[in-house]
C-alpha atoms as a PDB file:
ATOM      1  CA  UNK A   1      90.858  91.105  83.599  1.00  0.00           C
ATOM      2  CA  UNK A   2      91.157  88.234  86.051  1.00  0.00           C
ATOM      3  CA  UNK A   3      93.294  90.209  88.489  1.00  0.00           C
ATOM      4  CA  UNK A   4      90.687  92.981  88.699  1.00  0.00           C
ATOM      5  CA  UNK A   5      87.987  90.384  89.372  1.00  0.00           C
ATOM      6  CA  UNK A   6      90.150  88.903  92.131  1.00  0.00           C
ATOM      7  CA  UNK A   7      90.673  92.359  93.631  1.00  0.00           C
ATOM      8  CA  UNK A   8      86.911  92.914  93.661  1.00  0.00           C
ATOM      9  CA  UNK A   9      86.480  89.619  95.474  1.00  0.00           C
ATOM     10  CA  UNK A  10      89.099  90.695  98.034  1.00  0.00           C
ATOM     11  CA  UNK A  11      87.244  93.957  98.612  1.00  0.00           C
ATOM     12  CA  UNK A  12      84.032  92.012  99.237  1.00  0.00           C
ATOM     13  CA  UNK A  13      85.753  89.530 101.566  1.00  0.00           C
ATOM     14  CA  UNK A  14      87.239  92.402 103.568  1.00  0.00           C
ATOM     15  CA  UNK A  15      83.771  93.931 103.858  1.00  0.00           C
ATOM     16  CA  UNK A  16      84.729  97.169 102.133  1.00  0.00           C
ATOM     17  CA  UNK A  17      81.667  99.479 101.845  1.00  0.00           C
ATOM     18  CA  UNK A  18      79.448  98.458  98.928  1.00  0.00           C
ATOM     19  CA  UNK A  19      79.963 101.763  97.094  1.00  0.00           C
ATOM     20  CA  UNK A  20      83.694 101.056  96.987  1.00  0.00           C
ATOM     21  CA  UNK A  21      83.295  97.533  95.608  1.00  0.00           C
ATOM     22  CA  UNK A  22      83.970  98.759  92.086  1.00  0.00           C
ATOM     23  CA  UNK A  23      86.608  98.682  89.360  1.00  0.00           C
ATOM     24  CA  UNK A  24      88.190 101.976  90.397  1.00  0.00           C
ATOM     25  CA  UNK A  25      88.859 100.819  93.964  1.00  0.00           C
ATOM     26  CA  UNK A  26      90.008  97.384  92.750  1.00  0.00           C
ATOM     27  CA  UNK A  27      92.527  99.001  90.392  1.00  0.00           C
ATOM     28  CA  UNK A  28      93.629 101.363  93.149  1.00  0.00           C
ATOM     29  CA  UNK A  29      94.300  98.391  95.415  1.00  0.00           C
ATOM     30  CA  UNK A  30      96.341  96.684  92.700  1.00  0.00           C
ATOM     31  CA  UNK A  31      98.420  99.847  92.247  1.00  0.00           C
ATOM     32  CA  UNK A  32      99.033 100.074  96.002  1.00  0.00           C
ATOM     33  CA  UNK A  33     100.341  96.507  95.820  1.00  0.00           C
ATOM     34  CA  UNK A  34     102.391  97.087  92.633  1.00  0.00           C
ATOM     35  CA  UNK A  35     100.701  93.971  91.320  1.00  0.00           C
ATOM     36  CA  UNK A  36     100.718  93.442  87.572  1.00  0.00           C
ATOM     37  CA  UNK A  37      98.061  91.370  85.830  1.00  0.00           C
ATOM     38  CA  UNK A  38     100.384  88.428  85.147  1.00  0.00           C
ATOM     39  CA  UNK A  39     101.859  88.237  88.658  1.00  0.00           C
ATOM     40  CA  UNK A  40     100.590  85.997  91.507  1.00  0.00           C
ATOM     41  CA  UNK A  41      99.115  87.534  94.653  1.00  0.00           C
ATOM     42  CA  UNK A  42     102.045  86.313  96.730  1.00  0.00           C
ATOM     43  CA  UNK A  43     104.259  88.787  94.844  1.00  0.00           C
ATOM     44  CA  UNK A  44     102.249  91.788  96.095  1.00  0.00           C
ATOM     45  CA  UNK A  45     104.378  94.302  97.977  1.00  0.00           C
ATOM     46  CA  UNK A  46     103.941  97.389 100.085  1.00  0.00           C
ATOM     47  CA  UNK A  47     104.489 100.471  97.960  1.00  0.00           C
ATOM     48  CA  UNK A  48     104.475 104.113  99.034  1.00  0.00           C
ATOM     49  CA  UNK A  49     102.720 105.772  96.138  1.00  0.00           C
ATOM     50  CA  UNK A  50     101.086 109.091  95.227  1.00  0.00           C
ATOM     51  CA  UNK A  51      97.653 109.234  93.606  1.00  0.00           C
ATOM     52  CA  UNK A  52      99.226 110.546  90.396  1.00  0.00           C
ATOM     53  CA  UNK A  53     101.463 107.462  90.285  1.00  0.00           C
ATOM     54  CA  UNK A  54      98.509 105.191  91.071  1.00  0.00           C
ATOM     55  CA  UNK A  55      96.833 106.509  87.922  1.00  0.00           C
ATOM     56  CA  UNK A  56      99.993 105.960  85.852  1.00  0.00           C
ATOM     57  CA  UNK A  57     100.311 102.373  87.124  1.00  0.00           C
ATOM     58  CA  UNK A  58      96.669 101.656  86.257  1.00  0.00           C
ATOM     59  CA  UNK A  59      97.107 103.122  82.775  1.00  0.00           C
ATOM     60  CA  UNK A  60     100.335 101.237  82.037  1.00  0.00           C
ATOM     61  CA  UNK A  61      99.457  97.868  83.553  1.00  0.00           C
ATOM     62  CA  UNK A  62      95.685  97.644  83.170  1.00  0.00           C
ATOM     63  CA  UNK A  63      95.086  99.936  80.172  1.00  0.00           C
ATOM     64  CA  UNK A  64      92.548 102.028  82.048  1.00  0.00           C
ATOM     65  CA  UNK A  65      93.085 105.763  81.670  1.00  0.00           C
ATOM     66  CA  UNK A  66      91.707 108.140  84.293  1.00  0.00           C
ATOM     67  CA  UNK A  67      91.636 111.878  83.619  1.00  0.00           C
ATOM     68  CA  UNK A  68      93.767 114.081  85.881  1.00  0.00           C
ATOM     69  CA  UNK A  69      90.646 115.543  87.473  1.00  0.00           C
ATOM     70  CA  UNK A  70      89.799 112.034  88.705  1.00  0.00           C
ATOM     71  CA  UNK A  71      92.476 112.235  91.402  1.00  0.00           C
ATOM     72  CA  UNK A  72      90.068 113.718  93.931  1.00  0.00           C
ATOM     73  CA  UNK A  73      87.556 110.945  93.221  1.00  0.00           C
ATOM     74  CA  UNK A  74      90.187 108.265  93.823  1.00  0.00           C
ATOM     75  CA  UNK A  75      91.174 109.932  97.080  1.00  0.00           C
ATOM     76  CA  UNK A  76      87.675 110.635  98.392  1.00  0.00           C
ATOM     77  CA  UNK A  77      85.788 107.641  97.024  1.00  0.00           C
ATOM     78  CA  UNK A  78      88.376 104.858  97.215  1.00  0.00           C
ATOM     79  CA  UNK A  79      91.425 105.597  99.348  1.00  0.00           C
ATOM     80  CA  UNK A  80      89.554 107.441 102.090  1.00  0.00           C
ATOM     81  CA  UNK A  81      87.271 104.463 102.801  1.00  0.00           C
ATOM     82  CA  UNK A  82      90.124 101.947 102.645  1.00  0.00           C
ATOM     83  CA  UNK A  83      91.964 104.084 105.202  1.00  0.00           C
ATOM     84  CA  UNK A  84      89.253 105.370 107.532  1.00  0.00           C
ATOM     85  CA  UNK A  85      86.503 102.778 107.364  1.00  0.00           C
ATOM     86  CA  UNK A  86      88.369  99.544 106.724  1.00  0.00           C
ATOM     87  CA  UNK A  87      91.827 100.352 108.038  1.00  0.00           C
ATOM     88  CA  UNK A  88      93.862  98.490 105.407  1.00  0.00           C
ATOM     89  CA  UNK A  89      95.510 101.589 103.947  1.00  0.00           C
ATOM     90  CA  UNK A  90      97.673 104.233 105.616  1.00  0.00           C
ATOM     91  CA  UNK A  91      98.925 107.581 104.421  1.00  0.00           C
ATOM     92  CA  UNK A  92     102.321 109.252 104.817  1.00  0.00           C
ATOM     93  CA  UNK A  93     103.819 106.448 106.882  1.00  0.00           C
ATOM     94  CA  UNK A  94     107.208 107.686 105.650  1.00  0.00           C
ATOM     95  CA  UNK A  95     106.559 111.202 106.991  1.00  0.00           C
ATOM     96  CA  UNK A  96     103.562 111.654 109.338  1.00  0.00           C
ATOM     97  CA  UNK A  97     104.282 115.402 109.527  1.00  0.00           C
ATOM     98  CA  UNK A  98     103.574 115.902 105.814  1.00  0.00           C
ATOM     99  CA  UNK A  99     100.633 118.338 105.390  1.00  0.00           C
ATOM    100  CA  UNK A 100      97.279 116.735 104.647  1.00  0.00           C
ATOM    101  CA  UNK A 101      96.870 118.572 101.349  1.00  0.00           C
ATOM    102  CA  UNK A 102     100.440 118.013 100.149  1.00  0.00           C
ATOM    103  CA  UNK A 103     100.744 116.863  96.509  1.00  0.00           C
ATOM    104  CA  UNK A 104     103.417 114.474  97.777  1.00  0.00           C
ATOM    105  CA  UNK A 105     101.015 112.581 100.058  1.00  0.00           C
ATOM    106  CA  UNK A 106     101.818 108.882  99.776  1.00  0.00           C
ATOM    107  CA  UNK A 107      99.565 105.914 100.361  1.00  0.00           C
ATOM    108  CA  UNK A 108     100.326 102.282 101.191  1.00  0.00           C
ATOM    109  CA  UNK A 109      98.605  99.135 102.408  1.00  0.00           C
ATOM    110  CA  UNK A 110      99.259  98.283 106.030  1.00  0.00           C
ATOM    111  CA  UNK A 111     101.647  95.472 106.916  1.00  0.00           C
ATOM    112  CA  UNK A 112      98.800  93.314 108.289  1.00  0.00           C
ATOM    113  CA  UNK A 113      96.652  93.838 105.181  1.00  0.00           C
ATOM    114  CA  UNK A 114      99.563  93.010 102.889  1.00  0.00           C
ATOM    115  CA  UNK A 115     100.240  89.722 104.667  1.00  0.00           C
ATOM    116  CA  UNK A 116      96.574  88.784 104.373  1.00  0.00           C
ATOM    117  CA  UNK A 117      96.175  89.770 100.718  1.00  0.00           C
ATOM    118  CA  UNK A 118      99.299  87.870  99.699  1.00  0.00           C
ATOM    119  CA  UNK A 119      97.560  84.689 100.872  1.00  0.00           C
ATOM    120  CA  UNK A 120      94.577  85.179  98.529  1.00  0.00           C
ATOM    121  CA  UNK A 121      93.810  81.952  96.671  1.00  0.00           C
ATOM    122  CA  UNK A 122      95.491  79.755  99.269  1.00  0.00           C
ATOM    123  CA  UNK A 123      94.089  77.582 102.039  1.00  0.00           C
ATOM    124  CA  UNK A 124      95.158  80.237 104.551  1.00  0.00           C
ATOM    125  CA  UNK A 125      93.083  83.031 103.004  1.00  0.00           C
ATOM    126  CA  UNK A 126      89.881  82.678 105.041  1.00  0.00           C
ATOM    127  CA  UNK A 127      91.766  82.218 108.298  1.00  0.00           C
ATOM    128  CA  UNK A 128      93.967  85.239 107.575  1.00  0.00           C
ATOM    129  CA  UNK A 129      90.931  87.380 106.741  1.00  0.00           C
ATOM    130  CA  UNK A 130      89.320  86.414 110.059  1.00  0.00           C
ATOM    131  CA  UNK A 131      92.529  87.254 111.929  1.00  0.00           C
ATOM    132  CA  UNK A 132      92.800  90.612 110.177  1.00  0.00           C
ATOM    133  CA  UNK A 133      89.204  91.466 110.995  1.00  0.00           C
ATOM    134  CA  UNK A 134      89.730  90.608 114.645  1.00  0.00           C
ATOM    135  CA  UNK A 135      92.778  92.872 114.768  1.00  0.00           C
ATOM    136  CA  UNK A 136      90.816  95.703 113.195  1.00  0.00           C
ATOM    137  CA  UNK A 137      87.884  95.319 115.627  1.00  0.00           C
ATOM    138  CA  UNK A 138      85.234  93.819 113.379  1.00  0.00           C
ATOM    139  CA  UNK A 139      81.970  92.507 114.770  1.00  0.00           C
ATOM    140  CA  UNK A 140      79.939  90.052 112.710  1.00  0.00           C
ATOM    141  CA  UNK A 141      76.739  92.043 113.136  1.00  0.00           C
ATOM    142  CA  UNK A 142      77.998  95.515 112.302  1.00  0.00           C
ATOM    143  CA  UNK A 143      80.849  94.907 109.871  1.00  0.00           C
ATOM    144  CA  UNK A 144      84.097  96.794 110.008  1.00  0.00           C
ATOM    145  CA  UNK A 145      84.837  99.144 112.824  1.00  0.00           C
ATOM    146  CA  UNK A 146      88.110 100.836 113.542  1.00  0.00           C
ATOM    147  CA  UNK A 147      90.792  99.356 115.712  1.00  0.00           C
ATOM    148  CA  UNK A 148      90.698 100.101 119.447  1.00  0.00           C
ATOM    149  CA  UNK A 149      92.001 103.712 119.323  1.00  0.00           C
ATOM    150  CA  UNK A 150      88.986 104.676 117.214  1.00  0.00           C
ATOM    151  CA  UNK A 151      86.552 103.309 119.801  1.00  0.00           C
ATOM    152  CA  UNK A 152      87.326 106.153 122.147  1.00  0.00           C
ATOM    153  CA  UNK A 153      88.897 109.568 122.503  1.00  0.00           C
ATOM    154  CA  UNK A 154      92.250 110.102 124.182  1.00  0.00           C
ATOM    155  CA  UNK A 155      92.654 113.360 126.119  1.00  0.00           C
ATOM    156  CA  UNK A 156      95.742 114.044 128.230  1.00  0.00           C
ATOM    157  CA  UNK A 157      96.796 110.395 127.841  1.00  0.00           C
ATOM    158  CA  UNK A 158      93.492 109.125 129.212  1.00  0.00           C
ATOM    159  CA  UNK A 159      91.105 107.196 126.998  1.00  0.00           C
ATOM    160  CA  UNK A 160      87.374 107.871 127.134  1.00  0.00           C
ATOM    161  CA  UNK A 161      85.598 104.890 125.531  1.00  0.00           C
ATOM    162  CA  UNK A 162      82.506 105.544 123.458  1.00  0.00           C
ATOM    163  CA  UNK A 163      79.636 103.130 122.912  1.00  0.00           C
ATOM    164  CA  UNK A 164      79.162 101.746 119.362  1.00  0.00           C
ATOM    165  CA  UNK A 165      77.072 103.655 116.845  1.00  0.00           C
ATOM    166  CA  UNK A 166      77.137 106.110 113.943  1.00  0.00           C
ATOM    167  CA  UNK A 167      76.792 109.171 116.163  1.00  0.00           C
ATOM    168  CA  UNK A 168      79.787 108.326 118.328  1.00  0.00           C
ATOM    169  CA  UNK A 169      81.859 107.330 115.301  1.00  0.00           C
ATOM    170  CA  UNK A 170      81.186 110.797 113.899  1.00  0.00           C
ATOM    171  CA  UNK A 171      82.216 112.373 117.217  1.00  0.00           C
ATOM    172  CA  UNK A 172      85.507 110.473 117.035  1.00  0.00           C
ATOM    173  CA  UNK A 173      86.037 111.832 113.511  1.00  0.00           C
ATOM    174  CA  UNK A 174      85.309 115.375 114.695  1.00  0.00           C
ATOM    175  CA  UNK A 175      87.705 115.286 117.641  1.00  0.00           C
ATOM    176  CA  UNK A 176      90.314 113.505 115.536  1.00  0.00           C
ATOM    177  CA  UNK A 177      90.112 114.738 111.950  1.00  0.00           C
ATOM    178  CA  UNK A 178      88.210 118.037 112.205  1.00  0.00           C
ATOM    179  CA  UNK A 179      90.305 119.284 115.115  1.00  0.00           C
ATOM    180  CA  UNK A 180      93.566 118.112 113.493  1.00  0.00           C
ATOM    181  CA  UNK A 181      92.828 119.938 110.226  1.00  0.00           C
ATOM    182  CA  UNK A 182      91.048 123.129 111.301  1.00  0.00           C
ATOM    183  CA  UNK A 183      91.930 123.826 114.942  1.00  0.00           C
ATOM    184  CA  UNK A 184      94.864 121.636 115.867  1.00  0.00           C
ATOM    185  CA  UNK A 185      95.651 123.463 119.119  1.00  0.00           C
ATOM    186  CA  UNK A 186      92.063 123.565 120.372  1.00  0.00           C
ATOM    187  CA  UNK A 187      91.281 122.012 123.753  1.00  0.00           C
ATOM    188  CA  UNK A 188      88.348 119.676 124.181  1.00  0.00           C
ATOM    189  CA  UNK A 189      86.012 121.175 126.761  1.00  0.00           C
ATOM    190  CA  UNK A 190      83.080 118.809 126.393  1.00  0.00           C
ATOM    191  CA  UNK A 191      81.736 115.818 124.550  1.00  0.00           C
ATOM    192  CA  UNK A 192      79.081 113.303 125.453  1.00  0.00           C
ATOM    193  CA  UNK A 193      78.287 109.703 124.682  1.00  0.00           C
ATOM    194  CA  UNK A 194      74.958 108.377 123.460  1.00  0.00           C
ATOM    195  CA  UNK A 195      74.889 106.295 126.651  1.00  0.00           C
ATOM    196  CA  UNK A 196      76.566 108.799 128.987  1.00  0.00           C
ATOM    197  CA  UNK A 197      75.789 112.413 128.125  1.00  0.00           C
ATOM    198  CA  UNK A 198      78.496 114.001 130.298  1.00  0.00           C
ATOM    199  CA  UNK A 199      81.321 111.627 129.370  1.00  0.00           C
ATOM    200  CA  UNK A 200      83.961 114.371 129.319  1.00  0.00           C
ATOM    201  CA  UNK A 201      83.585 117.796 130.893  1.00  0.00           C
ATOM    202  CA  UNK A 202      86.508 120.128 131.565  1.00  0.00           C
ATOM    203  CA  UNK A 203      84.771 121.997 134.363  1.00  0.00           C
ATOM    204  CA  UNK A 204      87.913 123.887 135.398  1.00  0.00           C
ATOM    205  CA  UNK A 205      88.482 125.345 131.953  1.00  0.00           C
ATOM    206  CA  UNK A 206      84.808 126.089 131.436  1.00  0.00           C
ATOM    207  CA  UNK A 207      84.771 127.982 134.717  1.00  0.00           C
ATOM    208  CA  UNK A 208      87.860 129.930 133.634  1.00  0.00           C
ATOM    209  CA  UNK A 209      86.101 131.181 130.510  1.00  0.00           C
ATOM    210  CA  UNK A 210      83.003 132.140 132.500  1.00  0.00           C
ATOM    211  CA  UNK A 211      80.642 129.224 132.088  1.00  0.00           C
ATOM    212  CA  UNK A 212      79.083 126.990 134.699  1.00  0.00           C
ATOM    213  CA  UNK A 213      77.277 123.993 133.240  1.00  0.00           C
ATOM    214  CA  UNK A 214      73.814 123.526 134.680  1.00  0.00           C
ATOM    215  CA  UNK A 215      71.949 121.753 131.870  1.00  0.00           C
ATOM    216  CA  UNK A 216      73.728 119.346 129.569  1.00  0.00           C
ATOM    217  CA  UNK A 217      70.680 119.430 127.262  1.00  0.00           C
ATOM    218  CA  UNK A 218      71.721 122.929 126.180  1.00  0.00           C
ATOM    219  CA  UNK A 219      75.243 121.913 125.193  1.00  0.00           C
ATOM    220  CA  UNK A 220      76.114 120.968 121.616  1.00  0.00           C
ATOM    221  CA  UNK A 221      77.636 117.530 121.059  1.00  0.00           C
ATOM    222  CA  UNK A 222      81.217 118.834 121.195  1.00  0.00           C
ATOM    223  CA  UNK A 223      82.807 122.049 122.506  1.00  0.00           C
ATOM    224  CA  UNK A 224      86.368 122.986 121.513  1.00  0.00           C
ATOM    225  CA  UNK A 225      88.362 126.033 122.615  1.00  0.00           C
ATOM    226  CA  UNK A 226      91.162 127.587 120.577  1.00  0.00           C
ATOM    227  CA  UNK A 227      92.668 130.110 122.979  1.00  0.00           C
ATOM    228  CA  UNK A 228      95.300 131.371 120.555  1.00  0.00           C
ATOM    229  CA  UNK A 229      92.719 132.283 117.904  1.00  0.00           C
ATOM    230  CA  UNK A 230      90.038 133.358 120.391  1.00  0.00           C
ATOM    231  CA  UNK A 231      87.544 130.847 119.012  1.00  0.00           C
ATOM    232  CA  UNK A 232      84.970 128.614 120.688  1.00  0.00           C
ATOM    233  CA  UNK A 233      83.755 125.800 118.420  1.00  0.00           C
ATOM    234  CA  UNK A 234      80.206 124.637 119.096  1.00  0.00           C
ATOM    235  CA  UNK A 235      79.703 121.456 117.087  1.00  0.00           C
ATOM    236  CA  UNK A 236      76.640 119.321 116.475  1.00  0.00           C
ATOM    237  CA  UNK A 237      77.271 115.755 115.241  1.00  0.00           C
ATOM    238  CA  UNK A 238      74.363 115.019 112.913  1.00  0.00           C
ATOM    239  CA  UNK A 239      73.460 111.424 112.088  1.00  0.00           C
ATOM    240  CA  UNK A 240      69.682 111.649 112.241  1.00  0.00           C
ATOM    241  CA  UNK A 241      68.686 115.072 113.563  1.00  0.00           C
ATOM    242  CA  UNK A 242      70.068 118.212 115.107  1.00  0.00           C
ATOM    243  CA  UNK A 243      72.094 120.507 112.790  1.00  0.00           C
ATOM    244  CA  UNK A 244      72.701 124.098 113.862  1.00  0.00           C
ATOM    245  CA  UNK A 245      69.356 125.538 112.806  1.00  0.00           C
ATOM    246  CA  UNK A 246      68.462 129.193 113.329  1.00  0.00           C
ATOM    247  CA  UNK A 247      66.620 128.284 116.516  1.00  0.00           C
ATOM    248  CA  UNK A 248      69.574 126.252 117.789  1.00  0.00           C
ATOM    249  CA  UNK A 249      72.018 129.016 116.860  1.00  0.00           C
ATOM    250  CA  UNK A 250      70.046 131.549 118.924  1.00  0.00           C
ATOM    251  CA  UNK A 251      69.778 129.104 121.832  1.00  0.00           C
ATOM    252  CA  UNK A 252      73.553 128.446 121.877  1.00  0.00           C
ATOM    253  CA  UNK A 253      74.377 132.129 121.431  1.00  0.00           C
ATOM    254  CA  UNK A 254      72.297 132.992 124.491  1.00  0.00           C
ATOM    255  CA  UNK A 255      73.727 130.145 126.570  1.00  0.00           C
ATOM    256  CA  UNK A 256      77.329 131.075 125.767  1.00  0.00           C
ATOM    257  CA  UNK A 257      76.689 134.845 125.828  1.00  0.00           C
ATOM    258  CA  UNK A 258      79.057 135.478 128.771  1.00  0.00           C
ATOM    259  CA  UNK A 259      81.925 133.606 127.140  1.00  0.00           C
ATOM    260  CA  UNK A 260      84.233 136.160 125.544  1.00  0.00           C
ATOM    261  CA  UNK A 261      85.325 134.102 122.545  1.00  0.00           C
ATOM    262  CA  UNK A 262      84.165 134.225 118.946  1.00  0.00           C
ATOM    263  CA  UNK A 263      81.592 131.455 118.505  1.00  0.00           C
ATOM    264  CA  UNK A 264      82.026 129.143 115.538  1.00  0.00           C
ATOM    265  CA  UNK A 265      78.900 127.071 114.895  1.00  0.00           C
ATOM    266  CA  UNK A 266      79.501 123.790 113.062  1.00  0.00           C
ATOM    267  CA  UNK A 267      77.111 121.114 111.824  1.00  0.00           C
ATOM    268  CA  UNK A 268      79.098 117.919 111.213  1.00  0.00           C
ATOM    269  CA  UNK A 269      77.806 115.079 109.033  1.00  0.00           C
ATOM    270  CA  UNK A 270      79.176 111.607 108.314  1.00  0.00           C
ATOM    271  CA  UNK A 271      78.587 111.916 104.560  1.00  0.00           C
ATOM    272  CA  UNK A 272      77.087 114.084 101.834  1.00  0.00           C
ATOM    273  CA  UNK A 273      73.856 112.079 101.798  1.00  0.00           C
ATOM    274  CA  UNK A 274      73.142 112.946 105.431  1.00  0.00           C
ATOM    275  CA  UNK A 275      74.069 116.585 104.802  1.00  0.00           C
ATOM    276  CA  UNK A 276      71.545 116.850 101.960  1.00  0.00           C
ATOM    277  CA  UNK A 277      68.784 115.550 104.230  1.00  0.00           C
ATOM    278  CA  UNK A 278      69.242 118.525 106.580  1.00  0.00           C
ATOM    279  CA  UNK A 279      70.346 121.306 104.255  1.00  0.00           C
ATOM    280  CA  UNK A 280      67.071 123.259 104.590  1.00  0.00           C
ATOM    281  CA  UNK A 281      67.492 123.496 108.378  1.00  0.00           C
ATOM    282  CA  UNK A 282      71.063 124.827 108.522  1.00  0.00           C
ATOM    283  CA  UNK A 283      71.396 128.423 109.700  1.00  0.00           C
ATOM    284  CA  UNK A 284      73.344 131.121 107.898  1.00  0.00           C
ATOM    285  CA  UNK A 285      76.588 132.284 109.499  1.00  0.00           C
ATOM    286  CA  UNK A 286      77.425 128.693 110.398  1.00  0.00           C
ATOM    287  CA  UNK A 287      79.801 126.050 109.047  1.00  0.00           C
ATOM    288  CA  UNK A 288      79.312 122.538 107.663  1.00  0.00           C
ATOM    289  CA  UNK A 289      81.897 119.754 107.872  1.00  0.00           C
ATOM    290  CA  UNK A 290      81.474 116.340 106.227  1.00  0.00           C
ATOM    291  CA  UNK A 291      83.580 113.480 107.598  1.00  0.00           C
ATOM    292  CA  UNK A 292      84.016 111.723 104.246  1.00  0.00           C
ATOM    293  CA  UNK A 293      85.598 114.923 102.860  1.00  0.00           C
ATOM    294  CA  UNK A 294      87.567 115.993 105.949  1.00  0.00           C
ATOM    295  CA  UNK A 295      89.843 118.600 104.383  1.00  0.00           C
ATOM    296  CA  UNK A 296      86.946 120.758 103.193  1.00  0.00           C
ATOM    297  CA  UNK A 297      84.362 123.028 104.787  1.00  0.00           C
ATOM    298  CA  UNK A 298      81.094 124.440 103.495  1.00  0.00           C
ATOM    299  CA  UNK A 299      80.481 127.991 104.638  1.00  0.00           C
ATOM    300  CA  UNK A 300      76.895 129.136 105.143  1.00  0.00           C
ATOM    301  CA  UNK A 301      78.277 132.613 105.517  1.00  0.00           C
ATOM    302  CA  UNK A 302      76.338 134.886 103.210  1.00  0.00           C
ATOM    303  CA  UNK A 303      78.525 137.777 102.067  1.00  0.00           C
ATOM    304  CA  UNK A 304      81.499 136.967 104.323  1.00  0.00           C
ATOM    305  CA  UNK A 305      83.784 136.263 101.365  1.00  0.00           C
ATOM    306  CA  UNK A 306      82.270 138.859  99.046  1.00  0.00           C
ATOM    307  CA  UNK A 307      82.672 142.607  99.216  1.00  0.00           C
ATOM    308  CA  UNK A 308      79.245 143.992  98.439  1.00  0.00           C
ATOM    309  CA  UNK A 309      79.032 147.715  97.751  1.00  0.00           C
END
């Protein structure tokens, strides 16, 4: 259908990741815009819509039927990238307090993206795309990046800017998404930057829990403290090397031995592909978190969840 082809072209023009430049994501975008095949792009509108209703719209208007078990694929492999990587989609704008895993989660294109997409096919299209990219923080050499808030971490109303790169982007995801989902009340005690290793260090709090930092080389990429649950999260952000191996687990256990909190060891990866590269090195009794599937964890925990006689 012509409208699907146009949607694919829009995805390419907006520099959506290549894996998402497909029919499924194009149809998802059309559903988000409530745009039927016979309607012009200028009639696109912002629609708060659940994934279930996205699938119904696609079936009714574009005669493409997706099985119910495809919902997770649409969320993880289309909507997630449009939201997190490109920034043209937002979730739960009607109720930001709605739980992440709620079946009533609603998705919508952003106001800026809608205005741009409605100009597709006009003389203003290219100019509007350039303006949108500038607002979202795009550089010509590296493609889409997040808007300014995603270029740094805000702690106690102070922003700590991070230098560009995959590793720091993953650290932003950890402090933002991982912490929000799994340890919302945890304090950030430490994180570094690829250019400045000791970018943030809560020396006062570290001293309170019995730790004096002497060698930043020993520290994991991120340290979080959940006082209420008595947990210390020791997180490695893995983009090329450095998951929590057995050797690293022993090293961190010894370094934090005097800290009287339960240690939670986490290897964080940007995507499943990177995780698979390091799977043989990951220690048992540790956790794995993958940024492209933020609501889930992989537990390398042996018999923790099984009662073995």
